[in-house]
Amino acid sequence: MSENTETLTLAPTKHDKLGVIHCGVTREGFIVVGGDPRDIDDGEEILFERVGIKARRQGSEYTFTRVTQTS
């Protein structure tokens, strides 16, 4: 089994895509992943299970990671 990791790092008011999934930082402490909006505290990590993306905030740096496993 191998593991493929995709990562995207954004700052407030920026957005991009991980594959076909939209990820954005609307404002400091507020993110949207695949249409699902969430508040996120500094140092917090949130798993968006529906789209398989983890979001982590470190200060003003927001990292979105998708990990898929293949056999």
Protein backbone atom coordinates (compact mmCIF):
# COMPACT_ATOMS: atom_id res chain seq x y z
CA MET A 1 0.00 0.00 0.00
CA SER A 2 1.43 3.40 -0.95
CA GLU A 3 0.43 6.82 0.29
CA ASN A 4 0.13 9.96 -1.86
CA THR A 5 0.01 13.33 -0.14
CA GLU A 6 -1.09 16.64 -1.60
CA THR A 7 -0.62 19.85 0.38
CA LEU A 8 -1.69 23.44 -0.10
CA THR A 9 -0.64 26.37 2.13
CA LEU A 10 -2.68 29.56 2.14
CA ALA A 11 -2.81 32.93 3.94
CA PRO A 12 -5.96 34.86 4.89
CA THR A 13 -8.14 35.99 1.94
CA LYS A 14 -6.50 33.43 -0.39
CA HIS A 15 -8.01 30.34 -2.01
CA ASP A 16 -6.98 27.52 -4.33
CA LYS A 17 -7.84 23.91 -5.10
CA LEU A 18 -6.51 20.55 -3.96
CA GLY A 19 -7.38 18.49 -7.00
CA VAL A 20 -11.01 19.46 -7.62
CA ILE A 21 -11.76 20.49 -4.01
CA HIS A 22 -11.90 24.23 -3.28
CA CYS A 23 -10.00 25.36 -0.16
CA GLY A 24 -10.03 28.94 1.08
CA VAL A 25 -9.23 31.21 3.99
CA THR A 26 -12.04 33.77 4.00
CA ARG A 27 -10.58 35.74 6.90
CA GLU A 28 -8.26 35.11 9.85
CA GLY A 29 -9.65 32.08 11.71
CA PHE A 30 -12.32 31.12 9.13
CA ILE A 31 -11.85 28.53 6.37
CA VAL A 32 -13.94 26.77 3.75
CA VAL A 33 -13.19 23.29 2.35
CA GLY A 34 -15.42 21.79 -0.33
CA GLY A 35 -18.21 24.22 0.54
CA ASP A 36 -18.04 23.43 4.28
CA PRO A 37 -17.26 26.60 6.33
CA ARG A 38 -15.55 26.32 9.73
CA ASP A 39 -13.92 28.48 12.38
CA ILE A 40 -10.38 27.30 13.18
CA ASP A 41 -8.23 28.32 16.15
CA ASP A 42 -4.46 28.76 16.07
CA GLY A 43 -2.85 25.32 16.43
CA GLU A 44 -6.09 23.49 15.62
CA GLU A 45 -6.49 20.75 13.01
CA ILE A 46 -9.85 19.89 11.46
CA LEU A 47 -10.66 16.82 9.38
CA PHE A 48 -13.22 17.31 6.62
CA GLU A 49 -14.25 13.67 6.32
CA ARG A 50 -16.59 14.12 3.35
CA VAL A 51 -13.72 15.24 1.09
CA GLY A 52 -10.77 13.64 2.95
CA ILE A 53 -8.88 16.87 3.66
CA LYS A 54 -7.24 17.98 6.91
CA ALA A 55 -6.84 21.68 7.59
CA ARG A 56 -4.29 22.96 10.13
CA ARG A 57 -3.72 26.52 11.30
CA GLN A 58 -0.37 27.81 12.52
CA GLY A 59 -0.74 31.56 13.10
CA SER A 60 -1.60 33.11 9.74
CA GLU A 61 -0.54 30.01 7.78
CA TYR A 62 -3.25 27.53 6.86
CA THR A 63 -2.23 24.13 5.50
CA PHE A 64 -4.69 21.86 3.71
CA THR A 65 -3.61 18.24 3.19
CA ARG A 66 -5.29 15.40 1.37
CA VAL A 67 -3.95 11.89 1.90
CA THR A 68 -5.22 9.04 -0.25
CA GLN A 69 -4.22 5.44 0.16
CA THR A 70 -3.86 3.12 -2.80
CA SER A 71 -3.15 -0.61 -2.81
